[in-house]
Structure formats: C-alpha cells, structure tokens
Amino acid sequence: MANKCEVCGKGQVSGNNVSHSNRHSRRKWNANIQVVRVEENGSVRKAKVCTRCIRSGKVNRAI
C-alpha cells in the first residue's frame, strides 16, 4: 500500500502532460502523504495520511 491515505484512500492519479504543440505524454500526480503518529484505541502507531485529512481533523494525532 504505497502512497495511499489510510483514512480516505486518496492516492496517485494519472493524466497527460500537454505541450504547446499539443503533444501528449503520460504523467502522474502523487497525493501529499505524510507519516504521522496517530492514537487509536489508546495505542500510538504511525500511519500514512494525506494532508487534507490531517488538516480537517479526521485523525487523532498523538503528542
């Protein structure tokens, strides 16, 4: 499970680079995934979480 948010499932998406002459080549956009310490059921563990979930408070960060 590389580069995927454990909370919302957001991951990598793909599309095209489009040049000025309208040539297309494939490219990828990676989600902004951070490894943070979260508290679940009284225990602390590390989780890969996207910054949107961190900012909106969907994870309970451990201190």
PDB file of N, CA and C in Angstrom:
ATOM      1  N   MET A   1       0.843  -1.180   0.000  1.00  0.00           N
ATOM      2  CA  MET A   1       0.000   0.000   0.000  1.00  0.00           C
ATOM      3  C   MET A   1       0.888   1.244   0.000  1.00  0.00           C
ATOM      4  N   ALA A   2       1.519   1.493  -1.094  1.00  0.00           N
ATOM      5  CA  ALA A   2       2.443   2.606  -1.179  1.00  0.00           C
ATOM      6  C   ALA A   2       1.719   3.867  -1.631  1.00  0.00           C
ATOM      7  N   ASN A   3       1.950   4.951  -0.913  1.00  0.00           N
ATOM      8  CA  ASN A   3       1.458   6.282  -1.297  1.00  0.00           C
ATOM      9  C   ASN A   3      -0.063   6.351  -1.406  1.00  0.00           C
ATOM     10  N   LYS A   4      -0.761   5.848  -0.399  1.00  0.00           N
ATOM     11  CA  LYS A   4      -2.218   5.948  -0.345  1.00  0.00           C
ATOM     12  C   LYS A   4      -2.622   6.312   1.067  1.00  0.00           C
ATOM     13  N   CYS A   5      -3.578   7.233   1.196  1.00  0.00           N
ATOM     14  CA  CYS A   5      -4.039   7.674   2.510  1.00  0.00           C
ATOM     15  C   CYS A   5      -4.814   6.549   3.175  1.00  0.00           C
ATOM     16  N   GLU A   6      -4.487   6.271   4.450  1.00  0.00           N
ATOM     17  CA  GLU A   6      -5.158   5.203   5.181  1.00  0.00           C
ATOM     18  C   GLU A   6      -6.550   5.617   5.648  1.00  0.00           C
ATOM     19  N   VAL A   7      -6.862   6.907   5.623  1.00  0.00           N
ATOM     20  CA  VAL A   7      -8.158   7.386   6.099  1.00  0.00           C
ATOM     21  C   VAL A   7      -9.156   7.491   4.950  1.00  0.00           C
ATOM     22  N   CYS A   8      -8.811   8.246   3.915  1.00  0.00           N
ATOM     23  CA  CYS A   8      -9.766   8.499   2.832  1.00  0.00           C
ATOM     24  C   CYS A   8      -9.484   7.701   1.564  1.00  0.00           C
ATOM     25  N   GLY A   9      -8.289   7.093   1.475  1.00  0.00           N
ATOM     26  CA  GLY A   9      -7.974   6.291   0.297  1.00  0.00           C
ATOM     27  C   GLY A   9      -7.440   7.078  -0.878  1.00  0.00           C
ATOM     28  N   LYS A  10      -7.177   8.357  -0.673  1.00  0.00           N
ATOM     29  CA  LYS A  10      -6.645   9.174  -1.760  1.00  0.00           C
ATOM     30  C   LYS A  10      -5.264   8.663  -2.151  1.00  0.00           C
ATOM     31  N   GLY A  11      -5.012   8.565  -3.450  1.00  0.00           N
ATOM     32  CA  GLY A  11      -3.735   8.054  -3.927  1.00  0.00           C
ATOM     33  C   GLY A  11      -3.290   8.762  -5.187  1.00  0.00           C
ATOM     34  N   GLN A  12      -2.502   8.056  -5.963  1.00  0.00           N
ATOM     35  CA  GLN A  12      -1.929   8.599  -7.178  1.00  0.00           C
ATOM     36  C   GLN A  12      -2.968   8.620  -8.298  1.00  0.00           C
ATOM     37  N   VAL A  13      -2.987   9.690  -9.090  1.00  0.00           N
ATOM     38  CA  VAL A  13      -3.835   9.765 -10.275  1.00  0.00           C
ATOM     39  C   VAL A  13      -2.943  10.032 -11.479  1.00  0.00           C
ATOM     40  N   SER A  14      -3.435   9.694 -12.659  1.00  0.00           N
ATOM     41  CA  SER A  14      -2.623   9.851 -13.858  1.00  0.00           C
ATOM     42  C   SER A  14      -3.338  10.717 -14.872  1.00  0.00           C
ATOM     43  N   GLY A  15      -2.555  11.240 -15.795  1.00  0.00           N
ATOM     44  CA  GLY A  15      -3.093  12.090 -16.844  1.00  0.00           C
ATOM     45  C   GLY A  15      -2.029  12.342 -17.878  1.00  0.00           C
ATOM     46  N   ASN A  16      -2.125  13.469 -18.549  1.00  0.00           N
ATOM     47  CA  ASN A  16      -1.200  13.790 -19.623  1.00  0.00           C
ATOM     48  C   ASN A  16      -0.501  15.110 -19.382  1.00  0.00           C
ATOM     49  N   ASN A  17       0.802  15.157 -19.751  1.00  0.00           N
ATOM     50  CA  ASN A  17       1.465  16.427 -19.994  1.00  0.00           C
ATOM     51  C   ASN A  17       1.065  16.847 -21.395  1.00  0.00           C
ATOM     52  N   VAL A  18       0.662  18.084 -21.570  1.00  0.00           N
ATOM     53  CA  VAL A  18       0.292  18.566 -22.892  1.00  0.00           C
ATOM     54  C   VAL A  18       1.188  19.747 -23.221  1.00  0.00           C
ATOM     55  N   SER A  19       1.985  19.595 -24.271  1.00  0.00           N
ATOM     56  CA  SER A  19       2.924  20.645 -24.651  1.00  0.00           C
ATOM     57  C   SER A  19       2.201  21.734 -25.457  1.00  0.00           C
ATOM     58  N   HIS A  20       2.935  22.784 -25.747  1.00  0.00           N
ATOM     59  CA  HIS A  20       2.381  23.893 -26.533  1.00  0.00           C
ATOM     60  C   HIS A  20       1.962  23.420 -27.918  1.00  0.00           C
ATOM     61  N   SER A  21       2.659  22.421 -28.459  1.00  0.00           N
ATOM     62  CA  SER A  21       2.309  21.886 -29.778  1.00  0.00           C
ATOM     63  C   SER A  21       1.273  20.762 -29.672  1.00  0.00           C
ATOM     64  N   ASN A  22       0.683  20.601 -28.479  1.00  0.00           N
ATOM     65  CA  ASN A  22      -0.402  19.653 -28.205  1.00  0.00           C
ATOM     66  C   ASN A  22       0.035  18.194 -28.256  1.00  0.00           C
ATOM     67  N   ARG A  23       1.333  17.944 -28.022  1.00  0.00           N
ATOM     68  CA  ARG A  23       1.799  16.562 -27.889  1.00  0.00           C
ATOM     69  C   ARG A  23       1.476  16.080 -26.476  1.00  0.00           C
ATOM     70  N   HIS A  24       1.048  14.838 -26.350  1.00  0.00           N
ATOM     71  CA  HIS A  24       0.647  14.280 -25.062  1.00  0.00           C
ATOM     72  C   HIS A  24       1.649  13.220 -24.612  1.00  0.00           C
ATOM     73  N   SER A  25       2.030  13.279 -23.345  1.00  0.00           N
ATOM     74  CA  SER A  25       2.836  12.223 -22.730  1.00  0.00           C
ATOM     75  C   SER A  25       2.272  11.973 -21.339  1.00  0.00           C
ATOM     76  N   ARG A  26       2.329  10.736 -20.904  1.00  0.00           N
ATOM     77  CA  ARG A  26       1.699  10.365 -19.641  1.00  0.00           C
ATOM     78  C   ARG A  26       2.487  10.900 -18.456  1.00  0.00           C
ATOM     79  N   ARG A  27       1.766  11.252 -17.401  1.00  0.00           N
ATOM     80  CA  ARG A  27       2.389  11.712 -16.165  1.00  0.00           C
ATOM     81  C   ARG A  27       1.529  11.303 -14.986  1.00  0.00           C
ATOM     82  N   LYS A  28       2.080  11.496 -13.776  1.00  0.00           N
ATOM     83  CA  LYS A  28       1.379  11.107 -12.561  1.00  0.00           C
ATOM     84  C   LYS A  28       1.342  12.273 -11.585  1.00  0.00           C
ATOM     85  N   TRP A  29       0.268  12.349 -10.815  1.00  0.00           N
ATOM     86  CA  TRP A  29       0.155  13.283  -9.700  1.00  0.00           C
ATOM     87  C   TRP A  29       0.087  12.456  -8.430  1.00  0.00           C
ATOM     88  N   ASN A  30       1.013  12.683  -7.515  1.00  0.00           N
ATOM     89  CA  ASN A  30       1.020  11.953  -6.245  1.00  0.00           C
ATOM     90  C   ASN A  30       0.276  12.753  -5.181  1.00  0.00           C
ATOM     91  N   ALA A  31      -0.458  12.045  -4.339  1.00  0.00           N
ATOM     92  CA  ALA A  31      -1.126  12.687  -3.207  1.00  0.00           C
ATOM     93  C   ALA A  31      -0.074  13.110  -2.190  1.00  0.00           C
ATOM     94  N   ASN A  32      -0.364  14.162  -1.436  1.00  0.00           N
ATOM     95  CA  ASN A  32       0.567  14.663  -0.426  1.00  0.00           C
ATOM     96  C   ASN A  32       0.389  13.823   0.839  1.00  0.00           C
ATOM     97  N   ILE A  33       1.137  12.724   0.908  1.00  0.00           N
ATOM     98  CA  ILE A  33       1.028  11.761   2.002  1.00  0.00           C
ATOM     99  C   ILE A  33       2.133  12.019   3.016  1.00  0.00           C
ATOM    100  N   GLN A  34       1.760  12.091   4.288  1.00  0.00           N
ATOM    101  CA  GLN A  34       2.711  12.279   5.373  1.00  0.00           C
ATOM    102  C   GLN A  34       2.579  11.121   6.350  1.00  0.00           C
ATOM    103  N   VAL A  35       3.697  10.727   6.959  1.00  0.00           N
ATOM    104  CA  VAL A  35       3.671   9.706   8.000  1.00  0.00           C
ATOM    105  C   VAL A  35       3.549  10.427   9.338  1.00  0.00           C
ATOM    106  N   VAL A  36       2.440  10.186  10.041  1.00  0.00           N
ATOM    107  CA  VAL A  36       2.181  10.859  11.311  1.00  0.00           C
ATOM    108  C   VAL A  36       1.890   9.815  12.386  1.00  0.00           C
ATOM    109  N   ARG A  37       2.134  10.194  13.628  1.00  0.00           N
ATOM    110  CA  ARG A  37       1.811   9.338  14.766  1.00  0.00           C
ATOM    111  C   ARG A  37       0.354   9.580  15.133  1.00  0.00           C
ATOM    112  N   VAL A  38      -0.442   8.531  15.103  1.00  0.00           N
ATOM    113  CA  VAL A  38      -1.864   8.652  15.430  1.00  0.00           C
ATOM    114  C   VAL A  38      -2.171   7.796  16.644  1.00  0.00           C
ATOM    115  N   GLU A  39      -3.207   8.203  17.357  1.00  0.00           N
ATOM    116  CA  GLU A  39      -3.641   7.462  18.546  1.00  0.00           C
ATOM    117  C   GLU A  39      -4.948   6.762  18.219  1.00  0.00           C
ATOM    118  N   GLU A  40      -4.939   5.422  18.333  1.00  0.00           N
ATOM    119  CA  GLU A  40      -6.133   4.617  18.079  1.00  0.00           C
ATOM    120  C   GLU A  40      -6.316   3.618  19.219  1.00  0.00           C
ATOM    121  N   ASN A  41      -7.473   3.611  19.800  1.00  0.00           N
ATOM    122  CA  ASN A  41      -7.818   2.660  20.871  1.00  0.00           C
ATOM    123  C   ASN A  41      -6.805   2.689  22.014  1.00  0.00           C
ATOM    124  N   GLY A  42      -6.316   3.872  22.347  1.00  0.00           N
ATOM    125  CA  GLY A  42      -5.370   4.026  23.441  1.00  0.00           C
ATOM    126  C   GLY A  42      -3.937   3.685  23.107  1.00  0.00           C
ATOM    127  N   SER A  43      -3.659   3.246  21.878  1.00  0.00           N
ATOM    128  CA  SER A  43      -2.285   2.935  21.485  1.00  0.00           C
ATOM    129  C   SER A  43      -1.842   3.902  20.384  1.00  0.00           C
ATOM    130  N   VAL A  44      -0.536   4.079  20.286  1.00  0.00           N
ATOM    131  CA  VAL A  44       0.028   5.008  19.311  1.00  0.00           C
ATOM    132  C   VAL A  44       0.699   4.204  18.208  1.00  0.00           C
ATOM    133  N   ARG A  45       0.426   4.567  16.963  1.00  0.00           N
ATOM    134  CA  ARG A  45       1.079   3.934  15.823  1.00  0.00           C
ATOM    135  C   ARG A  45       1.310   4.973  14.739  1.00  0.00           C
ATOM    136  N   LYS A  46       2.118   4.615  13.747  1.00  0.00           N
ATOM    137  CA  LYS A  46       2.369   5.509  12.627  1.00  0.00           C
ATOM    138  C   LYS A  46       1.410   5.164  11.494  1.00  0.00           C
ATOM    139  N   ALA A  47       0.952   6.201  10.797  1.00  0.00           N
ATOM    140  CA  ALA A  47       0.021   5.991   9.690  1.00  0.00           C
ATOM    141  C   ALA A  47       0.367   6.943   8.561  1.00  0.00           C
ATOM    142  N   LYS A  48       0.117   6.494   7.322  1.00  0.00           N
ATOM    143  CA  LYS A  48       0.278   7.346   6.149  1.00  0.00           C
ATOM    144  C   LYS A  48      -1.057   8.040   5.898  1.00  0.00           C
ATOM    145  N   VAL A  49      -1.059   9.372   6.041  1.00  0.00           N
ATOM    146  CA  VAL A  49      -2.296  10.137   5.959  1.00  0.00           C
ATOM    147  C   VAL A  49      -2.063  11.332   5.048  1.00  0.00           C
ATOM    148  N   CYS A  50      -3.063  11.674   4.225  1.00  0.00           N
ATOM    149  CA  CYS A  50      -2.928  12.845   3.364  1.00  0.00           C
ATOM    150  C   CYS A  50      -3.111  14.118   4.189  1.00  0.00           C
ATOM    151  N   THR A  51      -2.573  15.213   3.693  1.00  0.00           N
ATOM    152  CA  THR A  51      -2.600  16.467   4.429  1.00  0.00           C
ATOM    153  C   THR A  51      -4.011  17.016   4.574  1.00  0.00           C
ATOM    154  N   ARG A  52      -4.908  16.685   3.682  1.00  0.00           N
ATOM    155  CA  ARG A  52      -6.291  17.140   3.813  1.00  0.00           C
ATOM    156  C   ARG A  52      -6.954  16.504   5.025  1.00  0.00           C
ATOM    157  N   CYS A  53      -6.683  15.221   5.272  1.00  0.00           N
ATOM    158  CA  CYS A  53      -7.252  14.540   6.445  1.00  0.00           C
ATOM    159  C   CYS A  53      -6.626  15.055   7.732  1.00  0.00           C
ATOM    160  N   ILE A  54      -5.326  15.385   7.703  1.00  0.00           N
ATOM    161  CA  ILE A  54      -4.674  15.950   8.878  1.00  0.00           C
ATOM    162  C   ILE A  54      -5.278  17.305   9.204  1.00  0.00           C
ATOM    163  N   ARG A  55      -5.443  18.137   8.183  1.00  0.00           N
ATOM    164  CA  ARG A  55      -5.932  19.493   8.380  1.00  0.00           C
ATOM    165  C   ARG A  55      -7.383  19.523   8.817  1.00  0.00           C
ATOM    166  N   SER A  56      -8.200  18.606   8.325  1.00  0.00           N
ATOM    167  CA  SER A  56      -9.631  18.616   8.665  1.00  0.00           C
ATOM    168  C   SER A  56      -9.927  17.897   9.975  1.00  0.00           C
ATOM    169  N   GLY A  57      -8.887  17.316  10.606  1.00  0.00           N
ATOM    170  CA  GLY A  57      -9.082  16.698  11.911  1.00  0.00           C
ATOM    171  C   GLY A  57      -9.651  15.303  11.865  1.00  0.00           C
ATOM    172  N   LYS A  58      -9.492  14.591  10.757  1.00  0.00           N
ATOM    173  CA  LYS A  58     -10.023  13.243  10.656  1.00  0.00           C
ATOM    174  C   LYS A  58      -9.151  12.224  11.381  1.00  0.00           C
ATOM    175  N   VAL A  59      -7.937  12.613  11.777  1.00  0.00           N
ATOM    176  CA  VAL A  59      -7.062  11.725  12.535  1.00  0.00           C
ATOM    177  C   VAL A  59      -6.765  12.349  13.892  1.00  0.00           C
ATOM    178  N   ASN A  60      -6.644  11.512  14.893  1.00  0.00           N
ATOM    179  CA  ASN A  60      -6.316  11.970  16.243  1.00  0.00           C
ATOM    180  C   ASN A  60      -4.817  11.813  16.420  1.00  0.00           C
ATOM    181  N   ARG A  61      -4.069  12.917  16.265  1.00  0.00           N
ATOM    182  CA  ARG A  61      -2.623  12.850  16.307  1.00  0.00           C
ATOM    183  C   ARG A  61      -2.131  12.658  17.734  1.00  0.00           C
ATOM    184  N   ALA A  62      -1.117  11.812  17.881  1.00  0.00           N
ATOM    185  CA  ALA A  62      -0.510  11.557  19.199  1.00  0.00           C
ATOM    186  C   ALA A  62       0.535  12.628  19.483  1.00  0.00           C
ATOM    187  N   ILE A  63       0.677  12.960  20.743  1.00  0.00           N
ATOM    188  CA  ILE A  63       1.638  14.001  21.153  1.00  0.00           C
ATOM    189  C   ILE A  63       2.891  13.349  21.697  1.00  0.00           C
TER     190      ILE A  63
END
